């Protein structure tokens, strides 16, 4: 098993990604990620999405998300909306 990774909540994950997005060299103002809540009001969010839905934003978001997930374990685990 890999080294200990701090556990963060889904909300903390979103905050960290949004804080780190502007440091990416091809970031454009307006790029952001957000939680996607399931239809059931009682369920925890298990997905996130981003805007704007462009190729540039996709690359930036995936890069930053992967970097954050390499440093933290997210509980509950999140995946990109529509990817699974």
N, C-alpha and C. Protein backbone atom coordinates (compact mmCIF):
# COMPACT_ATOMS: atom_id res chain seq x y z
N UNK A 1 0.84 -1.18 0.00
CA UNK A 1 0.00 0.00 0.00
C UNK A 1 0.89 1.24 0.00
N UNK A 2 0.39 2.33 -0.58
CA UNK A 2 1.17 3.56 -0.65
C UNK A 2 1.21 4.27 0.70
N UNK A 3 2.00 5.30 0.76
CA UNK A 3 2.15 6.08 1.99
C UNK A 3 0.81 6.68 2.41
N UNK A 4 0.75 7.04 3.69
CA UNK A 4 -0.46 7.64 4.24
C UNK A 4 -0.87 8.87 3.45
N UNK A 5 -2.15 8.95 3.14
CA UNK A 5 -2.69 10.13 2.46
C UNK A 5 -3.78 10.72 3.34
N UNK A 6 -3.72 12.03 3.59
CA UNK A 6 -4.78 12.66 4.38
C UNK A 6 -6.13 12.50 3.70
N UNK A 7 -7.17 12.38 4.49
CA UNK A 7 -8.53 12.24 3.97
C UNK A 7 -9.19 13.61 3.98
N UNK A 8 -9.83 13.95 2.86
CA UNK A 8 -10.59 15.20 2.77
C UNK A 8 -12.00 14.90 2.29
N UNK A 9 -12.91 15.80 2.59
CA UNK A 9 -14.30 15.64 2.16
C UNK A 9 -14.44 16.06 0.70
N UNK A 10 -15.58 15.72 0.12
CA UNK A 10 -15.87 16.12 -1.26
C UNK A 10 -15.84 17.64 -1.38
N UNK A 11 -16.41 18.33 -0.41
CA UNK A 11 -16.43 19.80 -0.44
C UNK A 11 -15.00 20.37 -0.38
N UNK A 12 -14.16 19.79 0.48
CA UNK A 12 -12.77 20.24 0.57
C UNK A 12 -12.02 19.99 -0.74
N UNK A 13 -12.32 18.86 -1.38
CA UNK A 13 -11.71 18.53 -2.67
C UNK A 13 -12.04 19.60 -3.70
N UNK A 14 -13.32 19.96 -3.79
CA UNK A 14 -13.75 20.97 -4.75
C UNK A 14 -13.06 22.30 -4.46
N UNK A 15 -12.99 22.68 -3.19
CA UNK A 15 -12.33 23.93 -2.81
C UNK A 15 -10.85 23.92 -3.21
N UNK A 16 -10.16 22.81 -2.94
CA UNK A 16 -8.74 22.70 -3.30
C UNK A 16 -8.53 22.79 -4.80
N UNK A 17 -9.34 22.07 -5.56
CA UNK A 17 -9.20 22.11 -7.02
C UNK A 17 -9.43 23.53 -7.52
N UNK A 18 -10.49 24.18 -7.06
CA UNK A 18 -10.77 25.54 -7.51
C UNK A 18 -9.67 26.52 -7.11
N UNK A 19 -9.05 26.31 -5.96
CA UNK A 19 -7.93 27.16 -5.53
C UNK A 19 -6.71 26.96 -6.43
N UNK A 20 -6.51 25.74 -6.89
CA UNK A 20 -5.30 25.42 -7.66
C UNK A 20 -5.46 25.64 -9.17
N UNK A 21 -6.68 25.71 -9.66
CA UNK A 21 -6.89 25.89 -11.10
C UNK A 21 -6.13 27.10 -11.66
N UNK A 22 -6.20 28.27 -11.02
CA UNK A 22 -5.54 29.45 -11.60
C UNK A 22 -4.02 29.32 -11.73
N UNK A 23 -3.41 28.38 -11.03
CA UNK A 23 -1.95 28.22 -11.14
C UNK A 23 -1.54 27.43 -12.38
N UNK A 24 -2.51 26.81 -13.06
CA UNK A 24 -2.19 26.07 -14.29
C UNK A 24 -1.92 27.07 -15.41
N UNK A 25 -0.91 26.83 -16.21
CA UNK A 25 -0.47 27.80 -17.22
C UNK A 25 -1.48 28.09 -18.33
N UNK A 26 -2.46 27.25 -18.56
CA UNK A 26 -3.47 27.56 -19.59
C UNK A 26 -4.84 27.85 -18.99
N UNK A 27 -4.88 28.12 -17.69
CA UNK A 27 -6.13 28.50 -17.02
C UNK A 27 -6.70 29.75 -17.68
N UNK A 28 -8.03 29.78 -17.80
CA UNK A 28 -8.75 30.98 -18.25
C UNK A 28 -9.78 31.32 -17.19
N UNK A 29 -9.98 32.61 -16.96
CA UNK A 29 -10.96 33.06 -15.97
C UNK A 29 -12.31 32.41 -16.24
N UNK A 30 -12.97 31.98 -15.19
CA UNK A 30 -14.28 31.34 -15.31
C UNK A 30 -14.25 29.83 -15.17
N UNK A 31 -13.07 29.22 -15.29
CA UNK A 31 -12.98 27.77 -15.12
C UNK A 31 -13.22 27.44 -13.65
N UNK A 32 -14.06 26.43 -13.41
CA UNK A 32 -14.32 26.01 -12.04
C UNK A 32 -14.89 24.60 -12.03
N UNK A 33 -14.80 23.95 -10.88
CA UNK A 33 -15.42 22.64 -10.67
C UNK A 33 -16.48 22.79 -9.59
N UNK A 34 -17.43 21.86 -9.59
CA UNK A 34 -18.52 21.90 -8.62
C UNK A 34 -19.06 20.50 -8.40
N UNK A 35 -19.67 20.28 -7.23
CA UNK A 35 -20.28 18.99 -6.92
C UNK A 35 -21.58 18.83 -7.67
N UNK A 36 -21.88 17.60 -8.05
CA UNK A 36 -23.16 17.26 -8.68
C UNK A 36 -23.90 16.37 -7.71
N UNK A 37 -25.03 16.84 -7.25
CA UNK A 37 -25.83 16.08 -6.29
C UNK A 37 -26.73 15.09 -7.03
N UNK A 38 -26.86 13.88 -6.49
CA UNK A 38 -27.77 12.90 -7.09
C UNK A 38 -29.22 13.35 -6.91
N UNK A 39 -30.11 12.72 -7.62
CA UNK A 39 -31.53 13.07 -7.55
C UNK A 39 -32.08 12.90 -6.15
N UNK A 40 -31.60 11.92 -5.43
CA UNK A 40 -32.05 11.69 -4.06
C UNK A 40 -31.45 12.74 -3.14
N UNK A 41 -32.28 13.49 -2.47
CA UNK A 41 -31.82 14.58 -1.61
C UNK A 41 -30.99 14.07 -0.43
N UNK A 42 -31.17 12.82 -0.04
CA UNK A 42 -30.45 12.28 1.11
C UNK A 42 -29.07 11.72 0.77
N UNK A 43 -28.80 11.55 -0.51
CA UNK A 43 -27.54 10.93 -0.92
C UNK A 43 -26.40 11.94 -0.95
N UNK A 44 -25.19 11.46 -0.65
CA UNK A 44 -24.00 12.30 -0.76
C UNK A 44 -23.64 12.47 -2.23
N UNK A 45 -23.01 13.60 -2.53
CA UNK A 45 -22.53 13.82 -3.89
C UNK A 45 -21.41 12.82 -4.17
N UNK A 46 -21.45 12.21 -5.33
CA UNK A 46 -20.41 11.26 -5.72
C UNK A 46 -19.78 11.66 -7.05
N UNK A 47 -20.21 12.78 -7.60
CA UNK A 47 -19.68 13.24 -8.87
C UNK A 47 -19.37 14.73 -8.80
N UNK A 48 -18.49 15.14 -9.70
CA UNK A 48 -18.22 16.56 -9.87
C UNK A 48 -18.27 16.87 -11.35
N UNK A 49 -18.42 18.12 -11.68
CA UNK A 49 -18.41 18.56 -13.07
C UNK A 49 -17.64 19.87 -13.14
N UNK A 50 -17.47 20.40 -14.32
CA UNK A 50 -16.73 21.64 -14.48
C UNK A 50 -17.36 22.51 -15.56
N UNK A 51 -17.01 23.77 -15.53
CA UNK A 51 -17.43 24.69 -16.58
C UNK A 51 -16.29 25.68 -16.81
N UNK A 52 -16.21 26.22 -18.01
CA UNK A 52 -17.02 25.89 -19.17
C UNK A 52 -16.62 24.53 -19.73
N UNK A 53 -17.50 23.93 -20.48
CA UNK A 53 -17.24 22.61 -21.06
C UNK A 53 -16.49 22.78 -22.37
N UNK A 54 -15.19 23.05 -22.26
CA UNK A 54 -14.33 23.22 -23.43
C UNK A 54 -13.17 22.23 -23.32
N UNK A 55 -12.48 22.03 -24.43
CA UNK A 55 -11.31 21.15 -24.41
C UNK A 55 -10.22 21.69 -23.49
N UNK A 56 -10.03 22.99 -23.54
CA UNK A 56 -9.01 23.62 -22.69
C UNK A 56 -9.34 23.38 -21.22
N UNK A 57 -10.59 23.66 -20.83
CA UNK A 57 -11.00 23.47 -19.43
C UNK A 57 -10.87 22.01 -19.03
N UNK A 58 -11.24 21.11 -19.92
CA UNK A 58 -11.15 19.68 -19.63
C UNK A 58 -9.71 19.30 -19.28
N UNK A 59 -8.77 19.73 -20.08
CA UNK A 59 -7.37 19.41 -19.82
C UNK A 59 -6.86 19.98 -18.50
N UNK A 60 -7.21 21.24 -18.24
CA UNK A 60 -6.77 21.89 -17.01
C UNK A 60 -7.39 21.20 -15.80
N UNK A 61 -8.70 20.95 -15.85
CA UNK A 61 -9.40 20.33 -14.73
C UNK A 61 -8.85 18.94 -14.46
N UNK A 62 -8.71 18.12 -15.48
CA UNK A 62 -8.22 16.76 -15.29
C UNK A 62 -6.81 16.77 -14.68
N UNK A 63 -5.96 17.66 -15.15
CA UNK A 63 -4.61 17.76 -14.61
C UNK A 63 -4.63 18.11 -13.12
N UNK A 64 -5.39 19.14 -12.76
CA UNK A 64 -5.44 19.59 -11.36
C UNK A 64 -6.12 18.54 -10.48
N UNK A 65 -7.22 17.95 -10.96
CA UNK A 65 -7.92 16.91 -10.20
C UNK A 65 -6.97 15.74 -9.92
N UNK A 66 -6.26 15.28 -10.93
CA UNK A 66 -5.32 14.17 -10.74
C UNK A 66 -4.25 14.52 -9.71
N UNK A 67 -3.77 15.75 -9.75
CA UNK A 67 -2.74 16.18 -8.80
C UNK A 67 -3.28 16.18 -7.37
N UNK A 68 -4.48 16.73 -7.18
CA UNK A 68 -5.07 16.75 -5.83
C UNK A 68 -5.33 15.32 -5.35
N UNK A 69 -5.85 14.46 -6.24
CA UNK A 69 -6.12 13.08 -5.84
C UNK A 69 -4.84 12.29 -5.57
N UNK A 70 -3.71 12.75 -6.07
CA UNK A 70 -2.44 12.09 -5.76
C UNK A 70 -1.94 12.46 -4.37
N UNK A 71 -2.50 13.51 -3.80
CA UNK A 71 -2.07 13.99 -2.49
C UNK A 71 -3.06 13.70 -1.37
N UNK A 72 -4.33 13.49 -1.72
CA UNK A 72 -5.38 13.30 -0.73
C UNK A 72 -6.30 12.16 -1.14
N UNK A 73 -6.89 11.51 -0.15
CA UNK A 73 -7.96 10.54 -0.40
C UNK A 73 -9.26 11.28 -0.16
N UNK A 74 -10.16 11.22 -1.12
CA UNK A 74 -11.43 11.94 -1.04
C UNK A 74 -12.52 10.99 -0.58
N UNK A 75 -13.23 11.37 0.47
CA UNK A 75 -14.33 10.56 1.01
C UNK A 75 -15.61 11.37 0.99
N UNK A 76 -16.64 10.96 0.29
CA UNK A 76 -16.67 9.78 -0.57
C UNK A 76 -15.88 10.04 -1.86
N UNK A 77 -15.42 8.97 -2.48
CA UNK A 77 -14.67 9.09 -3.72
C UNK A 77 -15.55 9.77 -4.76
N UNK A 78 -14.98 10.69 -5.52
CA UNK A 78 -15.72 11.42 -6.55
C UNK A 78 -15.22 11.02 -7.92
N UNK A 79 -16.11 11.08 -8.89
CA UNK A 79 -15.72 10.87 -10.28
C UNK A 79 -16.35 11.97 -11.12
N UNK A 80 -15.81 12.18 -12.28
CA UNK A 80 -16.33 13.19 -13.20
C UNK A 80 -17.72 12.78 -13.66
N UNK A 81 -18.67 13.68 -13.62
CA UNK A 81 -20.04 13.39 -14.02
C UNK A 81 -20.06 12.85 -15.45
N UNK A 82 -20.81 11.79 -15.65
CA UNK A 82 -20.95 11.19 -16.97
C UNK A 82 -19.81 10.29 -17.38
N UNK A 83 -18.85 10.05 -16.48
CA UNK A 83 -17.69 9.24 -16.86
C UNK A 83 -17.81 7.79 -16.43
N UNK A 84 -18.89 7.46 -15.79
CA UNK A 84 -18.88 6.10 -15.33
C UNK A 84 -20.19 5.48 -15.18
